Amino acid sequence: MLKISLAQINPTVGDLTGNIRKILEYVTQAQKAGAGLVVFPELAVCGYPPEDLLLKKHFVADNVKALDALAKKVRGISVIAGFVDSDAQGKIYNAAAIISNGKVQEIYHKQELPNYGVFDEKRYFSCGQNPGLVVIDGIKIGINICEDIWVDGAVYQAQAKAGARILVNISSSPYHAGKIKQRQDLLVARARATRTCLVYVNAVGGQDELVFDGGSMVVSSDGKVLASAVQFEECLLNADLSRQDNPVAAVLDSSEEIYKALVLGTRDYAAKNGFNKVALGLSGGVDSALVACIACDAFGPENVTAISMPSRFNSKATRQDAKILARNLKIEFKEIPIKRIFAAYLKTMAPYFKSLPAGTAEENIQARVRGNILMAMANKFGGLILTTGNKSEMAVGYCTLYGDMSGGYAVIKDVLKTKVYELARFRNSLSRGALIPKSILLRAPSAELRLNQTDEESLGAYEDLDRILTAYIENHSSPQDIVASGMNEKLVLRTVRLVDMNEYKRRQAPPGVKITPCAFGKDWRLPITNRYKE
């Protein structure tokens, strides 16, 4: 049987030179490991997803040139790698190149084009029709791409019937919590149904809001996982298909999996966009505490600055907790009080706010003062500002445009508040002492924009709120169905109304790491102008 190397790499969209360099490095490693074939992810040459770069003919042409340059350097081993192909009619294809002896020997075009969730492939690609069968070292292999293995009865079945002993699927499959088990169950079922050995290679790394978690694997014809790669790390998985002692990675638990996704997505967004330092507002609350921990794990504490911006409404306890957390994390800490700035705003607006009671406008002024300070620090000293709002807040609009939403990357934008607490406790479990002070985890959450304010006053209990949000956003349940499940009708109707009316805010939010099947952004496209209220 063939020795195969699975190159689980982290390409960067548009970095044709860098991606080819990385591919060649892994080809060399695979040759040293004695592999006859090394396999790379979907669109490894240009990165995934290239989106509207694909509308630029010169981009497609340059990616083909890069592939040809790669092929000329491949000797003594076969390579399968994803790229964008084009034909004489100007159609383009999500393609796999089979390379050996210094040239591209065969090309397979993806046949099943996903067009749901974050996928928009029918906007760009045409469907392929070629069978995707090749012979490498005397073994017939069927080559397919990502969605080709997910659709029942697709090309993989024809390849197996045509005599393929090994099916190779190259993927760039985005992460969401629990996706690795879903993939493994699918691959096991496909291997058993076709009685073939299934080689699955997935990309790893962050691309805007998407995270690719790797988890590449080899499944035997009887459904046993022969080899598997770690999640969230680049690696070369060497698999001898004739042996039973190949490396098999440990399965991560839910909190560790999500936490690693947040770290990788944040790190890659910053690094791939030229940032090596980050800053955030540190309030003494659980959301900013979790983001600070993620930032430290992504960039190192020496590259993280925390800025506390207390007003007269911030308690001594939260101010002290912010300082303790910064000390525990060994990050730079600055305290910039906003009392005088806030007072100046109120004095300026007094003639216009005359005789009107204080309310949301005054609360939002504080958030916007803080947003201005954070952006001023970024402009003066460089670095990327990380926002600290969670999905529960983003869903119902419990956030301030140009205030706490100001920044370049929204780390926990797709993390519900109840999950924030779980992840904070998980991160504490990795340290000898609690990095995040227990008082932060025990205190009732509050925006501290007025005296004695708590989130629960405005939103209800987060446990109830998050149940409703999960049903409405993730499952697309109707309000009536959510009420029928046992939730309070008044709370359900109010929550759904808030979700619907705050789409305009979410459209103006920074990108953030996707960890659920339905993240705000490409997954969720609610019209802003919308009178359907059922």
Protein backbone atom coordinates (compact mmCIF):
# COMPACT_ATOMS: atom_id res chain seq x y z
CA MET A 1 0.00 0.00 0.00
CA LEU A 2 0.97 3.59 -0.59
CA LYS A 3 2.62 5.78 2.03
CA ILE A 4 0.74 9.07 2.03
CA SER A 5 1.54 12.38 3.71
CA LEU A 6 -1.34 14.68 4.57
CA ALA A 7 -0.11 18.28 4.51
CA GLN A 8 -2.40 20.18 6.87
CA ILE A 9 -1.21 23.70 6.07
CA ASN A 10 -2.28 27.28 6.79
CA PRO A 11 -2.37 29.17 3.47
CA THR A 12 -3.07 32.89 3.22
CA VAL A 13 -5.61 34.09 0.67
CA GLY A 14 -3.84 35.83 -2.21
CA ASP A 15 -0.30 35.06 -1.03
CA LEU A 16 0.57 32.97 -4.05
CA THR A 17 4.31 33.17 -3.49
CA GLY A 18 4.10 32.38 0.22
CA ASN A 19 1.66 29.53 -0.30
CA ILE A 20 3.83 27.89 -2.96
CA ARG A 21 6.86 28.25 -0.71
CA LYS A 22 4.98 26.53 2.10
CA ILE A 23 3.76 23.75 -0.20
CA LEU A 24 7.30 23.05 -1.38
CA GLU A 25 8.54 22.91 2.21
CA TYR A 26 5.97 20.25 3.00
CA VAL A 27 6.74 18.35 -0.21
CA THR A 28 10.35 18.13 0.96
CA GLN A 29 9.27 16.90 4.40
CA ALA A 30 7.02 14.27 2.84
CA GLN A 31 9.84 13.00 0.64
CA LYS A 32 12.10 12.70 3.69
CA ALA A 33 9.35 10.68 5.37
CA GLY A 34 9.33 8.27 2.42
CA ALA A 35 5.87 9.17 1.10
CA GLY A 36 4.90 8.38 -2.47
CA LEU A 37 2.08 10.93 -2.38
CA VAL A 38 1.57 14.17 -0.48
CA VAL A 39 -1.85 15.80 -0.42
CA PHE A 40 -2.68 19.48 0.21
CA PRO A 41 -6.01 21.20 0.99
CA GLU A 42 -8.62 22.69 -1.31
CA LEU A 43 -7.40 25.87 -3.09
CA ALA A 44 -4.07 25.60 -1.26
CA VAL A 45 -2.33 27.60 -4.00
CA CYS A 46 -4.47 30.71 -3.61
CA GLY A 47 -6.06 30.24 -0.19
CA TYR A 48 -9.71 29.69 0.70
CA PRO A 49 -12.09 31.41 0.26
CA PRO A 50 -10.73 33.86 -2.34
CA GLU A 51 -14.20 35.37 -2.82
CA ASP A 52 -14.33 38.21 -5.37
CA LEU A 53 -10.62 37.89 -6.14
CA LEU A 54 -11.98 35.20 -8.44
CA LEU A 55 -13.65 37.89 -10.54
CA LYS A 56 -10.20 39.24 -11.41
CA LYS A 57 -8.92 37.36 -14.47
CA HIS A 58 -5.34 38.30 -13.65
CA PHE A 59 -5.68 36.71 -10.19
CA VAL A 60 -6.83 33.43 -11.71
CA ALA A 61 -4.03 33.58 -14.29
CA ASP A 62 -1.42 34.30 -11.62
CA ASN A 63 -2.61 31.36 -9.52
CA VAL A 64 -2.20 29.06 -12.57
CA LYS A 65 1.30 30.43 -13.14
CA ALA A 66 2.12 29.73 -9.49
CA LEU A 67 0.89 26.16 -9.87
CA ASP A 68 3.04 25.67 -12.98
CA ALA A 69 6.08 27.01 -11.13
CA LEU A 70 5.36 24.55 -8.31
CA ALA A 71 4.99 21.64 -10.70
CA LYS A 72 8.42 22.21 -12.24
CA LYS A 73 10.00 21.66 -8.82
CA VAL A 74 8.19 18.43 -7.99
CA ARG A 75 10.33 15.34 -8.62
CA GLY A 76 10.34 11.89 -7.06
CA ILE A 77 6.91 12.20 -5.44
CA SER A 78 3.31 12.80 -6.50
CA VAL A 79 1.44 15.86 -5.24
CA ILE A 80 -2.26 16.68 -5.11
CA ALA A 81 -3.03 20.34 -4.45
CA GLY A 82 -6.03 22.64 -4.83
CA PHE A 83 -6.02 25.65 -7.17
CA VAL A 84 -8.31 27.65 -9.47
CA ASP A 85 -8.47 26.35 -13.03
CA SER A 86 -9.95 28.07 -16.09
CA ASP A 87 -10.96 27.01 -19.59
CA ALA A 88 -11.01 28.61 -23.04
CA GLN A 89 -14.54 29.93 -22.47
CA GLY A 90 -13.48 31.84 -19.38
CA LYS A 91 -15.20 29.50 -16.93
CA ILE A 92 -13.33 28.84 -13.71
CA TYR A 93 -13.27 25.74 -11.55
CA ASN A 94 -12.41 24.77 -8.00
CA ALA A 95 -9.78 22.26 -9.01
CA ALA A 96 -7.25 19.69 -7.85
CA ALA A 97 -3.95 19.28 -9.70
CA ILE A 98 -2.14 15.95 -9.76
CA ILE A 99 1.56 16.71 -10.15
CA SER A 100 4.57 14.47 -10.76
CA ASN A 101 7.77 14.43 -12.81
CA GLY A 102 7.93 18.19 -13.09
CA LYS A 103 4.47 18.87 -14.53
CA VAL A 104 0.73 18.81 -13.95
CA GLN A 105 -0.40 15.36 -15.09
CA GLU A 106 -4.16 15.55 -14.46
CA ILE A 107 -6.74 18.05 -13.23
CA TYR A 108 -10.01 17.33 -11.44
CA HIS A 109 -12.83 19.90 -11.24
CA LYS A 110 -15.11 19.98 -8.19
CA GLN A 111 -18.61 18.80 -9.08
CA GLU A 112 -20.72 19.67 -6.03
CA LEU A 113 -20.61 23.42 -5.33
CA PRO A 114 -21.92 24.45 -1.89
CA ASN A 115 -24.11 27.52 -1.77
CA TYR A 116 -25.33 27.73 1.82
CA GLY A 117 -24.09 29.26 5.06
CA VAL A 118 -20.69 30.83 4.47
CA PHE A 119 -20.35 29.16 1.06
CA ASP A 120 -21.03 31.04 -2.16
CA GLU A 121 -19.27 28.87 -4.73
CA LYS A 122 -21.95 29.00 -7.41
CA ARG A 123 -21.28 32.72 -7.66
CA TYR A 124 -17.83 31.94 -9.04
CA PHE A 125 -17.26 28.36 -10.14
CA SER A 126 -18.66 26.08 -12.81
CA CYS A 127 -19.38 22.42 -12.05
CA GLY A 128 -16.85 19.86 -13.22
CA GLN A 129 -17.64 16.64 -15.01
CA ASN A 130 -14.38 14.71 -15.29
CA PRO A 131 -14.16 11.47 -13.30
CA GLY A 132 -11.15 12.36 -11.13
CA LEU A 133 -9.44 8.97 -11.43
CA VAL A 134 -5.66 8.59 -11.49
CA VAL A 135 -3.14 5.80 -10.96
CA ILE A 136 -0.27 6.48 -8.55
CA ASP A 137 2.31 3.79 -7.84
CA GLY A 138 0.00 1.23 -9.45
CA ILE A 139 -2.98 2.12 -7.23
CA LYS A 140 -6.17 3.61 -8.66
CA ILE A 141 -7.17 6.71 -6.70
CA GLY A 142 -10.33 8.79 -6.86
CA ILE A 143 -9.82 12.50 -6.21
CA ASN A 144 -12.64 14.75 -5.05
CA ILE A 145 -13.02 18.09 -3.31
CA CYS A 146 -14.78 18.95 -0.04
CA GLU A 147 -18.53 19.04 -0.82
CA ASP A 148 -18.10 16.13 -3.25
CA ILE A 149 -17.86 13.79 -0.26
CA TRP A 150 -20.79 15.36 1.65
CA VAL A 151 -23.49 14.91 -1.03
CA ASP A 152 -25.03 11.44 -1.10
CA GLY A 153 -24.29 9.52 -4.27
CA ALA A 154 -21.90 12.13 -5.61
CA VAL A 155 -18.70 11.59 -7.57
CA TYR A 156 -17.04 9.55 -4.80
CA GLN A 157 -19.48 6.70 -5.42
CA ALA A 158 -18.76 6.59 -9.16
CA GLN A 159 -15.04 6.62 -8.41
CA ALA A 160 -15.37 3.64 -6.09
CA LYS A 161 -17.46 1.72 -8.66
CA ALA A 162 -14.78 2.46 -11.26
CA GLY A 163 -12.25 0.59 -9.13
CA ALA A 164 -10.66 3.27 -6.95
CA ARG A 165 -9.05 1.66 -3.91
CA ILE A 166 -8.33 5.00 -2.24
CA LEU A 167 -10.49 8.12 -2.24
CA VAL A 168 -8.67 11.39 -1.59
CA ASN A 169 -10.78 14.34 -0.51
CA ILE A 170 -9.08 17.74 -0.30
CA SER A 171 -11.01 20.23 1.79
CA SER A 172 -11.07 23.69 3.29
CA SER A 173 -13.89 22.99 5.71
CA PRO A 174 -14.64 25.82 8.14
CA TYR A 175 -14.92 25.09 11.82
CA HIS A 176 -17.85 25.27 14.14
CA ALA A 177 -18.19 23.60 17.52
CA GLY A 178 -18.60 19.84 17.15
CA LYS A 179 -17.79 19.82 13.42
CA ILE A 180 -14.90 17.35 13.80
CA LYS A 181 -17.23 14.58 14.99
CA GLN A 182 -19.69 15.36 12.21
CA ARG A 183 -16.90 15.01 9.65
CA GLN A 184 -15.53 11.81 11.14
CA ASP A 185 -18.96 10.18 11.23
CA LEU A 186 -19.48 11.12 7.58
CA LEU A 187 -16.08 9.84 6.45
CA VAL A 188 -16.50 6.57 8.32
CA ALA A 189 -19.88 6.05 6.65
CA ARG A 190 -18.49 6.87 3.20
CA ALA A 191 -15.50 4.54 3.63
CA ARG A 192 -17.71 1.65 4.69
CA ALA A 193 -20.26 2.25 1.95
CA THR A 194 -17.64 2.37 -0.81
CA ARG A 195 -15.25 -0.17 0.74
CA THR A 196 -12.37 2.16 0.05
CA CYS A 197 -9.67 3.78 2.15
CA LEU A 198 -10.59 7.47 2.53
CA VAL A 199 -7.88 10.14 2.84
CA TYR A 200 -9.23 13.49 4.03
CA VAL A 201 -7.03 16.59 4.14
CA ASN A 202 -8.33 19.82 5.66
CA ALA A 203 -6.81 23.28 5.82
CA VAL A 204 -5.96 24.95 9.12
CA GLY A 205 -5.84 28.63 10.09
CA GLY A 206 -7.92 31.78 10.24
CA GLN A 207 -9.34 33.75 7.31
CA ASP A 208 -11.35 36.82 8.32
CA GLU A 209 -14.18 35.36 10.43
CA LEU A 210 -13.59 31.74 9.39
CA VAL A 211 -11.37 29.28 11.19
CA PHE A 212 -10.20 26.05 9.56
CA ASP A 213 -9.43 23.49 12.24
CA GLY A 214 -7.53 20.81 10.33
CA GLY A 215 -8.35 17.44 11.83
CA SER A 216 -7.16 15.63 8.69
CA MET A 217 -7.60 11.88 8.84
CA VAL A 218 -7.33 8.52 7.09
CA VAL A 219 -10.21 6.05 7.42
CA SER A 220 -9.88 2.39 6.44
CA SER A 221 -12.40 0.58 4.25
CA ASP A 222 -13.99 -0.97 7.35
CA GLY A 223 -14.49 2.44 8.97
CA LYS A 224 -11.55 2.54 11.36
CA VAL A 225 -9.64 5.81 11.79
CA LEU A 226 -6.10 4.73 10.84
CA ALA A 227 -4.49 8.13 11.36
CA SER A 228 -5.55 11.62 12.35
CA ALA A 229 -3.97 15.04 12.78
CA VAL A 230 -4.29 17.49 15.65
CA GLN A 231 -6.77 20.33 15.30
CA PHE A 232 -5.78 23.99 14.97
CA GLU A 233 -2.11 23.34 14.14
CA GLU A 234 -0.13 22.99 10.94
CA CYS A 235 1.35 19.53 10.61
CA LEU A 236 2.40 16.78 8.25
CA LEU A 237 0.54 13.56 9.01
CA ASN A 238 2.45 10.59 7.62
CA ALA A 239 0.27 7.53 7.12
CA ASP A 240 1.39 4.07 6.07
CA LEU A 241 -1.84 2.48 4.89
CA SER A 242 -0.48 -1.02 5.48
CA ARG A 243 0.08 -0.40 9.22
CA GLN A 244 -2.21 0.02 12.21
CA ASP A 245 0.14 2.15 14.36
CA ASN A 246 -0.13 5.52 12.62
CA PRO A 247 -0.53 8.69 14.74
CA VAL A 248 -4.06 9.30 16.02
CA ALA A 249 -4.68 12.68 17.66
CA ALA A 250 -6.53 13.04 20.95
CA VAL A 251 -10.09 14.37 20.75
CA LEU A 252 -10.52 17.81 22.29
CA ASP A 253 -13.38 18.54 24.66
CA SER A 254 -15.86 21.26 23.72
CA SER A 255 -14.38 24.14 25.70
CA GLU A 256 -10.80 23.43 24.63
CA GLU A 257 -11.86 23.13 21.00
CA ILE A 258 -13.71 26.45 21.02
CA TYR A 259 -10.97 28.23 22.94
CA LYS A 260 -8.31 27.06 20.49
CA ALA A 261 -10.49 28.25 17.60
CA LEU A 262 -10.77 31.71 19.15
CA VAL A 263 -7.02 31.94 19.71
CA LEU A 264 -6.15 30.77 16.19
CA GLY A 265 -8.74 32.96 14.48
CA THR A 266 -7.64 36.05 16.38
CA ARG A 267 -3.94 35.39 15.88
CA ASP A 268 -4.24 34.80 12.15
CA TYR A 269 -6.51 37.78 11.53
CA ALA A 270 -3.96 40.07 13.15
CA ALA A 271 -0.83 38.46 11.71
CA LYS A 272 -2.15 38.08 8.17
CA ASN A 273 -3.17 41.74 8.19
CA GLY A 274 0.18 43.00 9.47
CA PHE A 275 -0.52 43.47 13.20
CA ASN A 276 1.77 42.12 15.90
CA LYS A 277 0.33 44.06 18.87
CA VAL A 278 -3.22 44.35 20.18
CA ALA A 279 -5.09 46.43 22.74
CA LEU A 280 -8.47 46.17 24.39
CA GLY A 281 -10.66 47.90 26.93
CA LEU A 282 -10.46 46.01 30.25
CA SER A 283 -13.54 46.73 32.34
CA GLY A 284 -13.29 44.19 35.14
CA GLY A 285 -16.11 42.16 33.58
CA VAL A 286 -16.03 38.60 32.30
CA ASP A 287 -16.18 39.41 28.55
CA SER A 288 -13.09 41.62 28.49
CA ALA A 289 -11.34 39.21 30.87
CA LEU A 290 -11.82 36.31 28.45
CA VAL A 291 -10.70 38.41 25.47
CA ALA A 292 -7.57 39.46 27.39
CA CYS A 293 -6.70 35.80 28.04
CA ILE A 294 -7.26 34.88 24.39
CA ALA A 295 -5.08 37.82 23.31
CA CYS A 296 -2.26 36.74 25.61
CA ASP A 297 -2.39 33.18 24.33
CA ALA A 298 -2.50 34.41 20.72
CA PHE A 299 0.21 37.08 20.81
CA GLY A 300 2.13 36.72 24.07
CA PRO A 301 1.58 39.09 27.04
CA GLU A 302 4.34 41.43 25.86
CA ASN A 303 2.21 42.34 22.84
CA VAL A 304 -1.06 43.05 24.68
CA THR A 305 -2.14 46.36 26.23
CA ALA A 306 -5.20 46.62 28.46
CA ILE A 307 -6.84 50.00 28.98
CA SER A 308 -9.22 50.64 31.86
CA MET A 309 -11.46 53.69 31.39
CA PRO A 310 -13.49 54.11 34.59
CA SER A 311 -16.32 56.60 35.01
CA ARG A 312 -18.10 57.57 38.22
CA PHE A 313 -20.37 54.56 37.75
CA ASN A 314 -17.57 51.97 37.85
CA SER A 315 -17.25 50.26 41.20
CA LYS A 316 -14.00 49.92 43.12
CA ALA A 317 -14.40 46.15 42.81
CA THR A 318 -14.43 46.07 39.01
CA ARG A 319 -11.55 48.57 38.78
CA GLN A 320 -9.53 46.42 41.17
CA ASP A 321 -10.37 43.22 39.30
CA ALA A 322 -9.16 44.75 36.03
CA LYS A 323 -5.82 45.57 37.67
CA ILE A 324 -5.50 42.10 39.20
CA LEU A 325 -6.25 40.39 35.91
CA ALA A 326 -3.68 42.52 34.07
CA ARG A 327 -1.12 41.68 36.73
CA ASN A 328 -1.95 37.96 36.54
CA LEU A 329 -1.55 38.02 32.75
CA LYS A 330 1.59 40.18 32.95
CA ILE A 331 0.24 42.59 30.33
CA GLU A 332 0.69 46.34 30.08
CA PHE A 333 -2.09 48.14 31.93
CA LYS A 334 -3.19 51.73 31.53
CA GLU A 335 -5.96 53.48 33.44
CA ILE A 336 -7.47 56.49 31.68
CA PRO A 337 -10.43 57.88 33.70
CA ILE A 338 -13.23 59.37 31.61
CA LYS A 339 -15.02 61.37 34.32
CA ARG A 340 -13.83 64.77 33.09
CA ILE A 341 -14.43 63.94 29.43
CA PHE A 342 -17.93 62.68 30.22
CA ALA A 343 -18.66 65.80 32.26
CA ALA A 344 -17.51 67.98 29.35
CA TYR A 345 -19.90 66.15 27.02
CA LEU A 346 -22.79 66.66 29.41
CA LYS A 347 -21.98 70.34 29.82
CA THR A 348 -21.80 70.79 26.06
CA MET A 349 -25.12 69.03 25.49
CA ALA A 350 -26.90 70.58 28.49
CA PRO A 351 -28.66 73.33 26.48
CA TYR A 352 -30.07 70.67 24.15
CA PHE A 353 -30.84 68.00 26.77
CA LYS A 354 -32.40 70.61 29.06
CA SER A 355 -35.25 69.37 31.30
CA LEU A 356 -35.00 65.84 29.87
CA PRO A 357 -34.26 62.89 32.17
CA ALA A 358 -30.93 61.06 31.83
CA GLY A 359 -31.14 57.83 29.88
CA THR A 360 -29.68 55.89 26.98
CA ALA A 361 -28.04 58.95 25.38
CA GLU A 362 -25.94 59.64 28.49
CA GLU A 363 -25.06 55.96 28.86
CA ASN A 364 -23.95 55.71 25.24
CA ILE A 365 -21.81 58.85 25.52
CA GLN A 366 -19.64 56.98 28.02
CA ALA A 367 -19.25 54.01 25.68
CA ARG A 368 -18.37 56.33 22.79
CA VAL A 369 -15.80 58.22 24.86
CA ARG A 370 -14.13 54.86 25.55
CA GLY A 371 -14.29 53.92 21.88
CA ASN A 372 -12.62 57.21 20.95
CA ILE A 373 -9.83 56.64 23.46
CA LEU A 374 -9.15 53.12 22.20
CA MET A 375 -9.01 54.26 18.59
CA ALA A 376 -6.80 57.22 19.51
CA MET A 377 -4.35 54.85 21.21
CA ALA A 378 -4.37 52.62 18.12
CA ASN A 379 -3.73 55.59 15.82
CA LYS A 380 -0.88 56.88 17.96
CA PHE A 381 0.88 53.65 18.90
CA GLY A 382 -0.32 51.17 16.25
CA GLY A 383 -1.82 47.79 17.00
CA LEU A 384 -5.22 46.20 16.51
CA ILE A 385 -8.10 47.02 18.85
CA LEU A 386 -10.01 43.93 19.97
CA THR A 387 -13.64 44.46 20.89
CA THR A 388 -15.12 42.52 23.79
CA GLY A 389 -18.85 42.19 23.04
CA ASN A 390 -20.42 38.72 23.04
CA LYS A 391 -23.08 37.17 20.80
CA SER A 392 -25.91 37.62 23.29
CA GLU A 393 -25.29 41.37 23.33
CA MET A 394 -24.81 41.60 19.57
CA ALA A 395 -28.02 39.67 19.00
CA VAL A 396 -30.28 42.02 20.94
CA GLY A 397 -28.38 45.26 20.33
CA TYR A 398 -27.11 45.58 23.91
CA CYS A 399 -24.05 47.39 22.58
CA THR A 400 -23.18 50.89 21.40
CA LEU A 401 -22.37 51.84 17.84
CA TYR A 402 -19.06 53.75 17.74
CA GLY A 403 -18.63 52.86 21.40
CA ASP A 404 -17.90 49.37 22.72
CA MET A 405 -18.30 48.14 19.11
CA SER A 406 -15.31 50.24 18.01
CA GLY A 407 -12.31 48.19 16.99
CA GLY A 408 -10.80 45.97 14.35
CA TYR A 409 -11.73 42.45 15.43
CA ALA A 410 -14.59 41.12 17.56
CA VAL A 411 -13.05 38.08 19.25
CA ILE A 412 -16.14 36.68 21.03
CA LYS A 413 -18.76 38.03 18.63
CA ASP A 414 -20.10 34.47 18.11
CA VAL A 415 -19.89 33.38 21.78
CA LEU A 416 -23.09 33.49 23.84
CA LYS A 417 -22.77 34.94 27.34
CA THR A 418 -23.31 31.60 29.07
CA LYS A 419 -20.52 30.14 26.91
CA VAL A 420 -18.26 33.08 27.86
CA TYR A 421 -18.47 31.95 31.49
CA GLU A 422 -17.72 28.34 30.51
CA LEU A 423 -14.65 29.41 28.54
CA ALA A 424 -13.44 31.68 31.33
CA ARG A 425 -13.63 28.80 33.79
CA PHE A 426 -11.90 26.53 31.27
CA ARG A 427 -9.02 29.02 30.89
CA ASN A 428 -8.68 29.25 34.66
CA SER A 429 -8.43 25.45 34.81
CA LEU A 430 -5.24 25.60 32.72
CA SER A 431 -3.40 27.72 35.30
CA ARG A 432 -2.21 26.91 38.80
CA GLY A 433 -4.03 29.90 40.21
CA ALA A 434 -7.11 31.57 38.76
CA LEU A 435 -5.97 33.99 36.06
CA ILE A 436 -9.44 35.51 35.99
CA PRO A 437 -10.38 36.57 39.55
CA LYS A 438 -13.27 34.53 40.94
CA SER A 439 -15.06 37.75 41.82
CA ILE A 440 -15.43 38.47 38.08
CA LEU A 441 -17.12 35.10 37.58
CA LEU A 442 -19.42 35.54 40.58
CA ARG A 443 -20.47 39.16 40.12
CA ALA A 444 -23.76 39.95 38.38
CA PRO A 445 -22.78 41.24 34.90
CA SER A 446 -23.27 44.96 34.34
CA ALA A 447 -22.36 47.57 31.73
CA GLU A 448 -21.87 50.02 34.66
CA LEU A 449 -23.24 52.97 32.71
CA ARG A 450 -25.58 54.04 35.51
CA LEU A 451 -25.87 53.41 39.26
CA ASN A 452 -26.73 49.85 40.33
CA GLN A 453 -27.20 48.70 36.74
CA THR A 454 -27.31 45.00 35.90
CA ASP A 455 -27.69 43.27 32.54
CA GLU A 456 -30.53 41.15 33.89
CA GLU A 457 -32.68 44.26 34.39
CA SER A 458 -32.61 44.87 30.65
CA LEU A 459 -32.28 41.38 29.20
CA GLY A 460 -33.56 38.88 31.74
CA ALA A 461 -31.45 35.94 32.92
CA TYR A 462 -28.75 35.03 30.40
CA GLU A 463 -29.64 31.35 30.70
CA ASP A 464 -33.12 32.10 29.39
CA LEU A 465 -31.94 34.67 26.86
CA ASP A 466 -29.37 32.31 25.36
CA ARG A 467 -31.88 29.49 25.06
CA ILE A 468 -34.17 31.78 23.07
CA LEU A 469 -31.30 33.08 20.91
CA THR A 470 -30.09 29.58 20.13
CA ALA A 471 -33.56 28.52 19.06
CA TYR A 472 -34.24 31.64 16.98
CA ILE A 473 -30.81 32.11 15.38
CA GLU A 474 -29.28 28.64 15.16
CA ASN A 475 -32.47 26.63 14.63
CA HIS A 476 -34.60 29.32 12.91
CA SER A 477 -37.48 28.44 15.22
CA SER A 478 -40.58 30.63 15.22
CA PRO A 479 -41.50 32.60 18.35
CA GLN A 480 -44.56 30.36 18.73
CA ASP A 481 -42.40 27.22 18.71
CA ILE A 482 -40.02 28.72 21.25
CA VAL A 483 -42.89 29.60 23.57
CA ALA A 484 -44.31 26.09 23.11
CA SER A 485 -40.96 24.69 24.32
CA GLY A 486 -41.62 26.25 27.72
CA MET A 487 -40.14 29.75 27.47
CA ASN A 488 -41.90 32.85 28.77
CA GLU A 489 -43.98 34.36 25.95
CA LYS A 490 -43.32 37.99 26.85
CA LEU A 491 -39.56 37.40 27.02
CA VAL A 492 -39.57 35.47 23.74
CA LEU A 493 -41.47 38.11 21.80
CA ARG A 494 -39.35 40.92 23.22
CA THR A 495 -36.09 39.08 22.45
CA VAL A 496 -37.10 38.23 18.89
CA ARG A 497 -38.13 41.84 18.28
CA LEU A 498 -34.75 43.06 19.55
CA VAL A 499 -32.88 40.61 17.32
CA ASP A 500 -34.81 41.72 14.26
CA MET A 501 -34.53 45.46 14.87
CA ASN A 502 -30.79 45.46 15.59
CA GLU A 503 -29.54 44.01 12.31
CA TYR A 504 -28.35 47.51 11.34
CA LYS A 505 -25.91 47.47 14.26
CA ARG A 506 -24.54 44.04 13.45
CA ARG A 507 -23.87 45.08 9.85
CA GLN A 508 -21.50 47.74 11.21
CA ALA A 509 -19.64 45.48 13.63
CA PRO A 510 -16.08 44.25 13.04
CA PRO A 511 -15.58 40.66 11.85
CA GLY A 512 -15.10 38.04 14.53
CA VAL A 513 -14.36 34.33 14.93
CA LYS A 514 -17.15 31.99 13.79
CA ILE A 515 -17.68 29.12 16.24
CA THR A 516 -21.35 28.26 15.66
CA PRO A 517 -23.23 26.94 12.60
CA CYS A 518 -25.00 30.32 12.30
CA ALA A 519 -22.72 33.25 13.05
CA PHE A 520 -23.71 36.85 12.40
CA GLY A 521 -22.29 37.81 9.01
CA LYS A 522 -22.30 35.45 6.04
CA ASP A 523 -24.43 32.86 7.85
CA TRP A 524 -27.07 35.38 8.96
CA ARG A 525 -28.39 37.77 6.34
CA LEU A 526 -31.51 39.29 7.82
CA PRO A 527 -32.77 42.30 5.82
CA ILE A 528 -32.42 45.57 7.73
CA THR A 529 -35.62 46.93 6.18
CA ASN A 530 -38.03 44.20 7.19
CA ARG A 531 -41.67 44.26 8.25
CA TYR A 532 -42.10 40.52 8.73
CA LYS A 533 -42.53 40.20 12.47
CA GLU A 534 -43.59 36.61 12.96
